[in-house]
Amino acid sequence: MIYWTSTSLISLYLFASSASYLFHQPTMAGIRDLGFPDFFRIELAILKIAAGIVILLPFTPDPMKEWAYAGITLFLLTAIIAHHAHGDPVILNIINLLIFIVLGVSYTSRMSSLP
């Protein structure tokens, strides 16, 4: 139950974030303000959708899930560093840290259920 709840929350976050990256003008402008090129925003949106699907589907091979978790971790760490360097409100990094904790719960509970 812990695995599915935390994994569903992470996937929901990834899907909502991807939609925001693709369709929400203030988010798109914010990513540009952080200094990232526009193509990177689109890449991140696609990779977030892929990672959300990979960690959510139970029949996905373990190595693929490991790479998805690593990619999500890298994205969150990059987001924290970028927001801090840009001088954004601390609440953004608190939210990212909370998401990072939920990701850790998802990964840890998945690992404890493997044979």
PDB file of N, CA and C in Angstrom:
ATOM      1  N   MET A   1       0.819  -1.192   0.000  1.00  0.00           N
ATOM      2  CA  MET A   1       0.000   0.000   0.000  1.00  0.00           C
ATOM      3  C   MET A   1       0.874   1.272   0.000  1.00  0.00           C
ATOM      4  N   ILE A   2       1.946   1.255   0.796  1.00  0.00           N
ATOM      5  CA  ILE A   2       2.845   2.416   0.855  1.00  0.00           C
ATOM      6  C   ILE A   2       3.484   2.645  -0.511  1.00  0.00           C
ATOM      7  N   TYR A   3       3.914   1.541  -1.153  1.00  0.00           N
ATOM      8  CA  TYR A   3       4.543   1.659  -2.465  1.00  0.00           C
ATOM      9  C   TYR A   3       3.585   2.294  -3.472  1.00  0.00           C
ATOM     10  N   TRP A   4       2.373   1.768  -3.558  1.00  0.00           N
ATOM     11  CA  TRP A   4       1.441   2.257  -4.569  1.00  0.00           C
ATOM     12  C   TRP A   4       0.996   3.689  -4.303  1.00  0.00           C
ATOM     13  N   THR A   5       0.844   4.052  -3.045  1.00  0.00           N
ATOM     14  CA  THR A   5       0.448   5.425  -2.726  1.00  0.00           C
ATOM     15  C   THR A   5       1.566   6.401  -3.096  1.00  0.00           C
ATOM     16  N   SER A   6       2.779   6.115  -2.653  1.00  0.00           N
ATOM     17  CA  SER A   6       3.894   7.029  -2.939  1.00  0.00           C
ATOM     18  C   SER A   6       4.222   7.068  -4.435  1.00  0.00           C
ATOM     19  N   THR A   7       4.169   5.933  -5.091  1.00  0.00           N
ATOM     20  CA  THR A   7       4.477   5.874  -6.521  1.00  0.00           C
ATOM     21  C   THR A   7       3.400   6.594  -7.332  1.00  0.00           C
ATOM     22  N   SER A   8       2.162   6.440  -6.934  1.00  0.00           N
ATOM     23  CA  SER A   8       1.070   7.150  -7.616  1.00  0.00           C
ATOM     24  C   SER A   8       1.216   8.658  -7.445  1.00  0.00           C
ATOM     25  N   LEU A   9       1.601   9.087  -6.253  1.00  0.00           N
ATOM     26  CA  LEU A   9       1.806  10.520  -6.016  1.00  0.00           C
ATOM     27  C   LEU A   9       2.948  11.064  -6.875  1.00  0.00           C
ATOM     28  N   ILE A  10       4.035  10.318  -6.962  1.00  0.00           N
ATOM     29  CA  ILE A  10       5.167  10.756  -7.790  1.00  0.00           C
ATOM     30  C   ILE A  10       4.757  10.817  -9.261  1.00  0.00           C
ATOM     31  N   SER A  11       4.058   9.799  -9.738  1.00  0.00           N
ATOM     32  CA  SER A  11       3.623   9.794 -11.135  1.00  0.00           C
ATOM     33  C   SER A  11       2.659  10.935 -11.413  1.00  0.00           C
ATOM     34  N   LEU A  12       1.750  11.183 -10.502  1.00  0.00           N
ATOM     35  CA  LEU A  12       0.814  12.295 -10.665  1.00  0.00           C
ATOM     36  C   LEU A  12       1.570  13.621 -10.741  1.00  0.00           C
ATOM     37  N   TYR A  13       2.548  13.793  -9.866  1.00  0.00           N
ATOM     38  CA  TYR A  13       3.387  14.993  -9.896  1.00  0.00           C
ATOM     39  C   TYR A  13       4.099  15.112 -11.252  1.00  0.00           C
ATOM     40  N   LEU A  14       4.673  14.015 -11.733  1.00  0.00           N
ATOM     41  CA  LEU A  14       5.400  14.050 -13.002  1.00  0.00           C
ATOM     42  C   LEU A  14       4.476  14.407 -14.167  1.00  0.00           C
ATOM     43  N   PHE A  15       3.271  13.838 -14.190  1.00  0.00           N
ATOM     44  CA  PHE A  15       2.333  14.119 -15.273  1.00  0.00           C
ATOM     45  C   PHE A  15       1.848  15.571 -15.216  1.00  0.00           C
ATOM     46  N   ALA A  16       1.522  16.060 -14.020  1.00  0.00           N
ATOM     47  CA  ALA A  16       1.055  17.441 -13.870  1.00  0.00           C
ATOM     48  C   ALA A  16       2.174  18.425 -14.220  1.00  0.00           C
ATOM     49  N   SER A  17       3.384  18.113 -13.778  1.00  0.00           N
ATOM     50  CA  SER A  17       4.530  18.964 -14.074  1.00  0.00           C
ATOM     51  C   SER A  17       4.791  19.013 -15.581  1.00  0.00           C
ATOM     52  N   SER A  18       4.671  17.868 -16.241  1.00  0.00           N
ATOM     53  CA  SER A  18       4.870  17.818 -17.696  1.00  0.00           C
ATOM     54  C   SER A  18       3.838  18.673 -18.413  1.00  0.00           C
ATOM     55  N   ALA A  19       2.597  18.564 -17.999  1.00  0.00           N
ATOM     56  CA  ALA A  19       1.543  19.376 -18.620  1.00  0.00           C
ATOM     57  C   ALA A  19       1.832  20.858 -18.419  1.00  0.00           C
ATOM     58  N   SER A  20       2.294  21.200 -17.237  1.00  0.00           N
ATOM     59  CA  SER A  20       2.645  22.591 -16.946  1.00  0.00           C
ATOM     60  C   SER A  20       3.798  23.060 -17.832  1.00  0.00           C
ATOM     61  N   TYR A  21       4.791  22.202 -18.019  1.00  0.00           N
ATOM     62  CA  TYR A  21       5.944  22.542 -18.863  1.00  0.00           C
ATOM     63  C   TYR A  21       5.524  22.791 -20.314  1.00  0.00           C
ATOM     64  N   LEU A  22       4.484  22.092 -20.748  1.00  0.00           N
ATOM     65  CA  LEU A  22       4.083  22.166 -22.146  1.00  0.00           C
ATOM     66  C   LEU A  22       3.011  23.210 -22.428  1.00  0.00           C
ATOM     67  N   PHE A  23       2.140  23.505 -21.437  1.00  0.00           N
ATOM     68  CA  PHE A  23       0.962  24.311 -21.730  1.00  0.00           C
ATOM     69  C   PHE A  23       0.763  25.548 -20.848  1.00  0.00           C
ATOM     70  N   HIS A  24       1.493  25.676 -19.758  1.00  0.00           N
ATOM     71  CA  HIS A  24       1.271  26.775 -18.817  1.00  0.00           C
ATOM     72  C   HIS A  24       2.315  27.871 -19.060  1.00  0.00           C
ATOM     73  N   GLN A  25       1.858  29.000 -19.595  1.00  0.00           N
ATOM     74  CA  GLN A  25       2.777  30.074 -19.988  1.00  0.00           C
ATOM     75  C   GLN A  25       3.684  30.563 -18.848  1.00  0.00           C
ATOM     76  N   PRO A  26       3.166  30.777 -17.633  1.00  0.00           N
ATOM     77  CA  PRO A  26       4.065  31.219 -16.558  1.00  0.00           C
ATOM     78  C   PRO A  26       5.161  30.200 -16.228  1.00  0.00           C
ATOM     79  N   THR A  27       4.841  28.911 -16.299  1.00  0.00           N
ATOM     80  CA  THR A  27       5.861  27.878 -16.064  1.00  0.00           C
ATOM     81  C   THR A  27       6.901  27.915 -17.173  1.00  0.00           C
ATOM     82  N   MET A  28       6.430  28.043 -18.395  1.00  0.00           N
ATOM     83  CA  MET A  28       7.349  28.094 -19.530  1.00  0.00           C
ATOM     84  C   MET A  28       8.296  29.295 -19.398  1.00  0.00           C
ATOM     85  N   ALA A  29       7.752  30.435 -18.994  1.00  0.00           N
ATOM     86  CA  ALA A  29       8.578  31.631 -18.803  1.00  0.00           C
ATOM     87  C   ALA A  29       9.536  31.442 -17.626  1.00  0.00           C
ATOM     88  N   GLY A  30       9.070  30.771 -16.575  1.00  0.00           N
ATOM     89  CA  GLY A  30       9.913  30.523 -15.411  1.00  0.00           C
ATOM     90  C   GLY A  30      11.108  29.652 -15.736  1.00  0.00           C
ATOM     91  N   ILE A  31      10.902  28.667 -16.581  1.00  0.00           N
ATOM     92  CA  ILE A  31      12.006  27.791 -16.981  1.00  0.00           C
ATOM     93  C   ILE A  31      13.030  28.580 -17.793  1.00  0.00           C
ATOM     94  N   ARG A  32      12.540  29.469 -18.653  1.00  0.00           N
ATOM     95  CA  ARG A  32      13.464  30.333 -19.407  1.00  0.00           C
ATOM     96  C   ARG A  32      14.220  31.265 -18.459  1.00  0.00           C
ATOM     97  N   ASP A  33      13.512  31.782 -17.454  1.00  0.00           N
ATOM     98  CA  ASP A  33      14.155  32.674 -16.471  1.00  0.00           C
ATOM     99  C   ASP A  33      15.255  31.964 -15.685  1.00  0.00           C
ATOM    100  N   LEU A  34      15.107  30.652 -15.496  1.00  0.00           N
ATOM    101  CA  LEU A  34      16.141  29.880 -14.810  1.00  0.00           C
ATOM    102  C   LEU A  34      17.374  29.696 -15.684  1.00  0.00           C
ATOM    103  N   GLY A  35      17.252  30.038 -16.968  1.00  0.00           N
ATOM    104  CA  GLY A  35      18.396  29.965 -17.869  1.00  0.00           C
ATOM    105  C   GLY A  35      18.425  28.722 -18.744  1.00  0.00           C
ATOM    106  N   PHE A  36      17.344  27.931 -18.701  1.00  0.00           N
ATOM    107  CA  PHE A  36      17.312  26.718 -19.513  1.00  0.00           C
ATOM    108  C   PHE A  36      16.719  27.024 -20.887  1.00  0.00           C
ATOM    109  N   PRO A  37      17.284  26.427 -21.948  1.00  0.00           N
ATOM    110  CA  PRO A  37      16.733  26.647 -23.289  1.00  0.00           C
ATOM    111  C   PRO A  37      15.371  25.974 -23.439  1.00  0.00           C
ATOM    112  N   ASP A  38      14.596  26.452 -24.404  1.00  0.00           N
ATOM    113  CA  ASP A  38      13.230  25.968 -24.596  1.00  0.00           C
ATOM    114  C   ASP A  38      13.182  24.477 -24.941  1.00  0.00           C
ATOM    115  N   PHE A  39      14.153  24.003 -25.735  1.00  0.00           N
ATOM    116  CA  PHE A  39      14.134  22.576 -26.090  1.00  0.00           C
ATOM    117  C   PHE A  39      14.305  21.698 -24.852  1.00  0.00           C
ATOM    118  N   PHE A  40      15.017  22.197 -23.853  1.00  0.00           N
ATOM    119  CA  PHE A  40      15.237  21.435 -22.629  1.00  0.00           C
ATOM    120  C   PHE A  40      13.929  21.253 -21.864  1.00  0.00           C
ATOM    121  N   ARG A  41      13.083  22.284 -21.883  1.00  0.00           N
ATOM    122  CA  ARG A  41      11.768  22.208 -21.246  1.00  0.00           C
ATOM    123  C   ARG A  41      10.941  21.088 -21.876  1.00  0.00           C
ATOM    124  N   ILE A  42      10.977  20.998 -23.195  1.00  0.00           N
ATOM    125  CA  ILE A  42      10.213  19.964 -23.901  1.00  0.00           C
ATOM    126  C   ILE A  42      10.800  18.585 -23.615  1.00  0.00           C
ATOM    127  N   GLU A  43      12.124  18.481 -23.626  1.00  0.00           N
ATOM    128  CA  GLU A  43      12.785  17.212 -23.277  1.00  0.00           C
ATOM    129  C   GLU A  43      12.376  16.746 -21.881  1.00  0.00           C
ATOM    130  N   LEU A  44      12.437  17.668 -20.923  1.00  0.00           N
ATOM    131  CA  LEU A  44      12.074  17.315 -19.550  1.00  0.00           C
ATOM    132  C   LEU A  44      10.630  16.850 -19.459  1.00  0.00           C
ATOM    133  N   ALA A  45       9.733  17.515 -20.168  1.00  0.00           N
ATOM    134  CA  ALA A  45       8.326  17.123 -20.140  1.00  0.00           C
ATOM    135  C   ALA A  45       8.157  15.697 -20.653  1.00  0.00           C
ATOM    136  N   ILE A  46       8.802  15.383 -21.760  1.00  0.00           N
ATOM    137  CA  ILE A  46       8.700  14.038 -22.335  1.00  0.00           C
ATOM    138  C   ILE A  46       9.326  13.002 -21.398  1.00  0.00           C
ATOM    139  N   LEU A  47      10.492  13.311 -20.856  1.00  0.00           N
ATOM    140  CA  LEU A  47      11.160  12.369 -19.947  1.00  0.00           C
ATOM    141  C   LEU A  47      10.369  12.168 -18.653  1.00  0.00           C
ATOM    142  N   LYS A  48       9.718  13.215 -18.165  1.00  0.00           N
ATOM    143  CA  LYS A  48       8.895  13.080 -16.962  1.00  0.00           C
ATOM    144  C   LYS A  48       7.703  12.172 -17.222  1.00  0.00           C
ATOM    145  N   ILE A  49       7.068  12.317 -18.384  1.00  0.00           N
ATOM    146  CA  ILE A  49       5.945  11.448 -18.732  1.00  0.00           C
ATOM    147  C   ILE A  49       6.434  10.001 -18.808  1.00  0.00           C
ATOM    148  N   ALA A  50       7.549   9.789 -19.483  1.00  0.00           N
ATOM    149  CA  ALA A  50       8.095   8.433 -19.612  1.00  0.00           C
ATOM    150  C   ALA A  50       8.433   7.846 -18.246  1.00  0.00           C
ATOM    151  N   ALA A  51       9.082   8.616 -17.381  1.00  0.00           N
ATOM    152  CA  ALA A  51       9.457   8.122 -16.053  1.00  0.00           C
ATOM    153  C   ALA A  51       8.213   7.801 -15.220  1.00  0.00           C
ATOM    154  N   GLY A  52       7.194   8.650 -15.309  1.00  0.00           N
ATOM    155  CA  GLY A  52       5.962   8.402 -14.571  1.00  0.00           C
ATOM    156  C   GLY A  52       5.297   7.103 -14.989  1.00  0.00           C
ATOM    157  N   ILE A  53       5.317   6.828 -16.285  1.00  0.00           N
ATOM    158  CA  ILE A  53       4.738   5.576 -16.793  1.00  0.00           C
ATOM    159  C   ILE A  53       5.589   4.380 -16.352  1.00  0.00           C
ATOM    160  N   VAL A  54       6.899   4.509 -16.488  1.00  0.00           N
ATOM    161  CA  VAL A  54       7.807   3.404 -16.164  1.00  0.00           C
ATOM    162  C   VAL A  54       7.689   2.978 -14.701  1.00  0.00           C
ATOM    163  N   ILE A  55       7.666   3.939 -13.776  1.00  0.00           N
ATOM    164  CA  ILE A  55       7.602   3.542 -12.360  1.00  0.00           C
ATOM    165  C   ILE A  55       6.212   3.067 -11.967  1.00  0.00           C
ATOM    166  N   LEU A  56       5.201   3.455 -12.736  1.00  0.00           N
ATOM    167  CA  LEU A  56       3.825   3.088 -12.392  1.00  0.00           C
ATOM    168  C   LEU A  56       3.440   1.697 -12.886  1.00  0.00           C
ATOM    169  N   LEU A  57       3.944   1.300 -14.035  1.00  0.00           N
ATOM    170  CA  LEU A  57       3.551   0.005 -14.603  1.00  0.00           C
ATOM    171  C   LEU A  57       4.287  -1.142 -13.911  1.00  0.00           C
ATOM    172  N   PRO A  58       3.539  -2.125 -13.397  1.00  0.00           N
ATOM    173  CA  PRO A  58       4.175  -3.200 -12.628  1.00  0.00           C
ATOM    174  C   PRO A  58       5.037  -4.152 -13.465  1.00  0.00           C
ATOM    175  N   PHE A  59       4.794  -4.245 -14.747  1.00  0.00           N
ATOM    176  CA  PHE A  59       5.542  -5.203 -15.579  1.00  0.00           C
ATOM    177  C   PHE A  59       6.782  -4.600 -16.218  1.00  0.00           C
ATOM    178  N   THR A  60       7.110  -3.370 -15.884  1.00  0.00           N
ATOM    179  CA  THR A  60       8.314  -2.738 -16.425  1.00  0.00           C
ATOM    180  C   THR A  60       9.548  -3.425 -15.848  1.00  0.00           C
ATOM    181  N   PRO A  61      10.533  -3.760 -16.679  1.00  0.00           N
ATOM    182  CA  PRO A  61      11.753  -4.415 -16.175  1.00  0.00           C
ATOM    183  C   PRO A  61      12.463  -3.577 -15.105  1.00  0.00           C
ATOM    184  N   ASP A  62      13.040  -4.261 -14.134  1.00  0.00           N
ATOM    185  CA  ASP A  62      13.715  -3.586 -13.019  1.00  0.00           C
ATOM    186  C   ASP A  62      14.789  -2.589 -13.453  1.00  0.00           C
ATOM    187  N   PRO A  63      15.668  -2.934 -14.416  1.00  0.00           N
ATOM    188  CA  PRO A  63      16.689  -1.941 -14.807  1.00  0.00           C
ATOM    189  C   PRO A  63      16.068  -0.641 -15.342  1.00  0.00           C
ATOM    190  N   MET A  64      14.958  -0.758 -16.046  1.00  0.00           N
ATOM    191  CA  MET A  64      14.294   0.429 -16.570  1.00  0.00           C
ATOM    192  C   MET A  64      13.718   1.276 -15.426  1.00  0.00           C
ATOM    193  N   LYS A  65      13.173   0.608 -14.416  1.00  0.00           N
ATOM    194  CA  LYS A  65      12.664   1.327 -13.243  1.00  0.00           C
ATOM    195  C   LYS A  65      13.807   2.032 -12.511  1.00  0.00           C
ATOM    196  N   GLU A  66      14.938   1.353 -12.382  1.00  0.00           N
ATOM    197  CA  GLU A  66      16.094   1.963 -11.718  1.00  0.00           C
ATOM    198  C   GLU A  66      16.520   3.248 -12.436  1.00  0.00           C
ATOM    199  N   TRP A  67      16.576   3.204 -13.765  1.00  0.00           N
ATOM    200  CA  TRP A  67      16.947   4.390 -14.534  1.00  0.00           C
ATOM    201  C   TRP A  67      15.912   5.495 -14.382  1.00  0.00           C
ATOM    202  N   ALA A  68      14.645   5.122 -14.316  1.00  0.00           N
ATOM    203  CA  ALA A  68      13.586   6.127 -14.133  1.00  0.00           C
ATOM    204  C   ALA A  68      13.738   6.812 -12.777  1.00  0.00           C
ATOM    205  N   TYR A  69      13.956   6.014 -11.725  1.00  0.00           N
ATOM    206  CA  TYR A  69      14.163   6.602 -10.392  1.00  0.00           C
ATOM    207  C   TYR A  69      15.403   7.506 -10.382  1.00  0.00           C
ATOM    208  N   ALA A  70      16.458   7.070 -11.055  1.00  0.00           N
ATOM    209  CA  ALA A  70      17.675   7.895 -11.114  1.00  0.00           C
ATOM    210  C   ALA A  70      17.401   9.209 -11.851  1.00  0.00           C
ATOM    211  N   GLY A  71      16.663   9.143 -12.932  1.00  0.00           N
ATOM    212  CA  GLY A  71      16.331  10.344 -13.688  1.00  0.00           C
ATOM    213  C   GLY A  71      15.474  11.317 -12.882  1.00  0.00           C
ATOM    214  N   ILE A  72      14.499  10.793 -12.158  1.00  0.00           N
ATOM    215  CA  ILE A  72      13.644  11.647 -11.332  1.00  0.00           C
ATOM    216  C   ILE A  72      14.481  12.293 -10.228  1.00  0.00           C
ATOM    217  N   THR A  73      15.366  11.510  -9.633  1.00  0.00           N
ATOM    218  CA  THR A  73      16.253  12.051  -8.597  1.00  0.00           C
ATOM    219  C   THR A  73      17.108  13.174  -9.156  1.00  0.00           C
ATOM    220  N   LEU A  74      17.691  12.957 -10.322  1.00  0.00           N
ATOM    221  CA  LEU A  74      18.525  13.979 -10.960  1.00  0.00           C
ATOM    222  C   LEU A  74      17.712  15.230 -11.259  1.00  0.00           C
ATOM    223  N   PHE A  75      16.491  15.046 -11.761  1.00  0.00           N
ATOM    224  CA  PHE A  75      15.651  16.201 -12.040  1.00  0.00           C
ATOM    225  C   PHE A  75      15.377  17.001 -10.770  1.00  0.00           C
ATOM    226  N   LEU A  76      15.013  16.327  -9.687  1.00  0.00           N
ATOM    227  CA  LEU A  76      14.695  17.031  -8.443  1.00  0.00           C
ATOM    228  C   LEU A  76      15.912  17.762  -7.881  1.00  0.00           C
ATOM    229  N   LEU A  77      17.070  17.110  -7.916  1.00  0.00           N
ATOM    230  CA  LEU A  77      18.289  17.778  -7.438  1.00  0.00           C
ATOM    231  C   LEU A  77      18.625  19.006  -8.296  1.00  0.00           C
ATOM    232  N   THR A  78      18.469  18.870  -9.607  1.00  0.00           N
ATOM    233  CA  THR A  78      18.715  19.989 -10.509  1.00  0.00           C
ATOM    234  C   THR A  78      17.734  21.128 -10.235  1.00  0.00           C
ATOM    235  N   ALA A  79      16.476  20.784  -9.985  1.00  0.00           N
ATOM    236  CA  ALA A  79      15.462  21.802  -9.698  1.00  0.00           C
ATOM    237  C   ALA A  79      15.799  22.553  -8.410  1.00  0.00           C
ATOM    238  N   ILE A  80      16.208  21.818  -7.393  1.00  0.00           N
ATOM    239  CA  ILE A  80      16.559  22.458  -6.118  1.00  0.00           C
ATOM    240  C   ILE A  80      17.732  23.420  -6.299  1.00  0.00           C
ATOM    241  N   ILE A  81      18.761  22.968  -6.999  1.00  0.00           N
ATOM    242  CA  ILE A  81      19.940  23.811  -7.230  1.00  0.00           C
ATOM    243  C   ILE A  81      19.570  25.032  -8.072  1.00  0.00           C
ATOM    244  N   ALA A  82      18.794  24.828  -9.135  1.00  0.00           N
ATOM    245  CA  ALA A  82      18.421  25.936 -10.021  1.00  0.00           C
ATOM    246  C   ALA A  82      17.570  26.967  -9.288  1.00  0.00           C
ATOM    247  N   HIS A  83      16.598  26.514  -8.511  1.00  0.00           N
ATOM    248  CA  HIS A  83      15.745  27.464  -7.783  1.00  0.00           C
ATOM    249  C   HIS A  83      16.546  28.226  -6.724  1.00  0.00           C
ATOM    250  N   HIS A  84      17.452  27.531  -6.074  1.00  0.00           N
ATOM    251  CA  HIS A  84      18.284  28.197  -5.068  1.00  0.00           C
ATOM    252  C   HIS A  84      19.191  29.241  -5.728  1.00  0.00           C
ATOM    253  N   ALA A  85      19.843  28.856  -6.816  1.00  0.00           N
ATOM    254  CA  ALA A  85      20.752  29.766  -7.513  1.00  0.00           C
ATOM    255  C   ALA A  85      20.012  30.973  -8.086  1.00  0.00           C
ATOM    256  N   HIS A  86      18.762  30.764  -8.467  1.00  0.00           N
ATOM    257  CA  HIS A  86      17.967  31.843  -9.053  1.00  0.00           C
ATOM    258  C   HIS A  86      17.391  32.768  -7.985  1.00  0.00           C
ATOM    259  N   GLY A  87      17.445  32.349  -6.730  1.00  0.00           N
ATOM    260  CA  GLY A  87      16.910  33.171  -5.645  1.00  0.00           C
ATOM    261  C   GLY A  87      15.401  33.082  -5.517  1.00  0.00           C
ATOM    262  N   ASP A  88      14.829  31.976  -5.970  1.00  0.00           N
ATOM    263  CA  ASP A  88      13.382  31.786  -5.881  1.00  0.00           C
ATOM    264  C   ASP A  88      12.953  31.600  -4.425  1.00  0.00           C
ATOM    265  N   PRO A  89      11.659  31.755  -4.155  1.00  0.00           N
ATOM    266  CA  PRO A  89      11.178  31.575  -2.780  1.00  0.00           C
ATOM    267  C   PRO A  89      11.538  30.189  -2.237  1.00  0.00           C
ATOM    268  N   VAL A  90      11.865  30.126  -0.967  1.00  0.00           N
ATOM    269  CA  VAL A  90      12.285  28.891  -0.310  1.00  0.00           C
ATOM    270  C   VAL A  90      11.197  27.815  -0.386  1.00  0.00           C
ATOM    271  N   ILE A  91       9.939  28.225  -0.452  1.00  0.00           N
ATOM    272  CA  ILE A  91       8.837  27.256  -0.494  1.00  0.00           C
ATOM    273  C   ILE A  91       8.976  26.308  -1.685  1.00  0.00           C
ATOM    274  N   LEU A  92       9.529  26.784  -2.797  1.00  0.00           N
ATOM    275  CA  LEU A  92       9.723  25.904  -3.961  1.00  0.00           C
ATOM    276  C   LEU A  92      10.678  24.763  -3.631  1.00  0.00           C
ATOM    277  N   ASN A  93      11.737  25.067  -2.916  1.00  0.00           N
ATOM    278  CA  ASN A  93      12.683  24.009  -2.556  1.00  0.00           C
ATOM    279  C   ASN A  93      12.128  23.123  -1.454  1.00  0.00           C
ATOM    280  N   ILE A  94      11.303  23.657  -0.588  1.00  0.00           N
ATOM    281  CA  ILE A  94      10.653  22.815   0.425  1.00  0.00           C
ATOM    282  C   ILE A  94       9.735  21.810  -0.257  1.00  0.00           C
ATOM    283  N   ILE A  95       8.981  22.277  -1.250  1.00  0.00           N
ATOM    284  CA  ILE A  95       8.102  21.378  -2.014  1.00  0.00           C
ATOM    285  C   ILE A  95       8.934  20.319  -2.728  1.00  0.00           C
ATOM    286  N   ASN A  96      10.025  20.740  -3.371  1.00  0.00           N
ATOM    287  CA  ASN A  96      10.892  19.772  -4.060  1.00  0.00           C
ATOM    288  C   ASN A  96      11.493  18.761  -3.090  1.00  0.00           C
ATOM    289  N   LEU A  97      11.866  19.204  -1.900  1.00  0.00           N
ATOM    290  CA  LEU A  97      12.391  18.269  -0.894  1.00  0.00           C
ATOM    291  C   LEU A  97      11.324  17.284  -0.437  1.00  0.00           C
ATOM    292  N   LEU A  98      10.083  17.745  -0.291  1.00  0.00           N
ATOM    293  CA  LEU A  98       8.993  16.840   0.083  1.00  0.00           C
ATOM    294  C   LEU A  98       8.748  15.808  -1.014  1.00  0.00           C
ATOM    295  N   ILE A  99       8.793  16.255  -2.257  1.00  0.00           N
ATOM    296  CA  ILE A  99       8.642  15.323  -3.385  1.00  0.00           C
ATOM    297  C   ILE A  99       9.800  14.332  -3.382  1.00  0.00           C
ATOM    298  N   PHE A 100      10.991  14.806  -3.102  1.00  0.00           N
ATOM    299  CA  PHE A 100      12.169  13.944  -3.020  1.00  0.00           C
ATOM    300  C   PHE A 100      11.980  12.872  -1.935  1.00  0.00           C
ATOM    301  N   ILE A 101      11.407  13.248  -0.806  1.00  0.00           N
ATOM    302  CA  ILE A 101      11.149  12.288   0.280  1.00  0.00           C
ATOM    303  C   ILE A 101      10.126  11.245  -0.166  1.00  0.00           C
ATOM    304  N   VAL A 102       9.060  11.682  -0.830  1.00  0.00           N
ATOM    305  CA  VAL A 102       8.053  10.739  -1.330  1.00  0.00           C
ATOM    306  C   VAL A 102       8.685   9.797  -2.352  1.00  0.00           C
ATOM    307  N   LEU A 103       9.572  10.326  -3.194  1.00  0.00           N
ATOM    308  CA  LEU A 103      10.293   9.477  -4.147  1.00  0.00           C
ATOM    309  C   LEU A 103      11.120   8.430  -3.409  1.00  0.00           C
ATOM    310  N   GLY A 104      11.797   8.837  -2.337  1.00  0.00           N
ATOM    311  CA  GLY A 104      12.579   7.891  -1.534  1.00  0.00           C
ATOM    312  C   GLY A 104      11.699   6.816  -0.912  1.00  0.00           C
ATOM    313  N   VAL A 105      10.522   7.184  -0.458  1.00  0.00           N
ATOM    314  CA  VAL A 105       9.580   6.205   0.104  1.00  0.00           C
ATOM    315  C   VAL A 105       9.149   5.225  -0.978  1.00  0.00           C
ATOM    316  N   SER A 106       8.847   5.739  -2.165  1.00  0.00           N
ATOM    317  CA  SER A 106       8.456   4.874  -3.277  1.00  0.00           C
ATOM    318  C   SER A 106       9.568   3.882  -3.607  1.00  0.00           C
ATOM    319  N   TYR A 107      10.782   4.392  -3.758  1.00  0.00           N
ATOM    320  CA  TYR A 107      11.912   3.540  -4.126  1.00  0.00           C
ATOM    321  C   TYR A 107      12.195   2.515  -3.026  1.00  0.00           C
ATOM    322  N   THR A 108      12.247   2.955  -1.782  1.00  0.00           N
ATOM    323  CA  THR A 108      12.574   2.071  -0.663  1.00  0.00           C
ATOM    324  C   THR A 108      11.502   0.993  -0.487  1.00  0.00           C
ATOM    325  N   SER A 109      10.240   1.377  -0.575  1.00  0.00           N
ATOM    326  CA  SER A 109       9.179   0.390  -0.405  1.00  0.00           C
ATOM    327  C   SER A 109       9.153  -0.588  -1.579  1.00  0.00           C
ATOM    328  N   ARG A 110       9.521  -0.143  -2.761  1.00  0.00           N
ATOM    329  CA  ARG A 110       9.629  -1.040  -3.910  1.00  0.00           C
ATOM    330  C   ARG A 110      10.744  -2.051  -3.681  1.00  0.00           C
ATOM    331  N   MET A 111      11.906  -1.555  -3.231  1.00  0.00           N
ATOM    332  CA  MET A 111      13.056  -2.434  -3.009  1.00  0.00           C
ATOM    333  C   MET A 111      12.787  -3.467  -1.919  1.00  0.00           C
ATOM    334  N   SER A 112      12.027  -3.084  -0.904  1.00  0.00           N
ATOM    335  CA  SER A 112      11.755  -4.029   0.194  1.00  0.00           C
ATOM    336  C   SER A 112      10.753  -5.093  -0.216  1.00  0.00           C
ATOM    337  N   SER A 113      10.014  -4.857  -1.320  1.00  0.00           N
ATOM    338  CA  SER A 113       9.041  -5.858  -1.760  1.00  0.00           C
ATOM    339  C   SER A 113       9.608  -6.801  -2.813  1.00  0.00           C
ATOM    340  N   LEU A 114      10.825  -6.525  -3.294  1.00  0.00           N
ATOM    341  CA  LEU A 114      11.451  -7.409  -4.292  1.00  0.00           C
ATOM    342  C   LEU A 114      11.971  -8.673  -3.622  1.00  0.00           C
ATOM    343  N   PRO A 115      11.954  -9.782  -4.358  1.00  0.00           N
ATOM    344  CA  PRO A 115      12.460 -11.032  -3.765  1.00  0.00           C
ATOM    345  C   PRO A 115      13.966 -11.021  -3.577  1.00  0.00           C
TER     346      PRO A 115
END
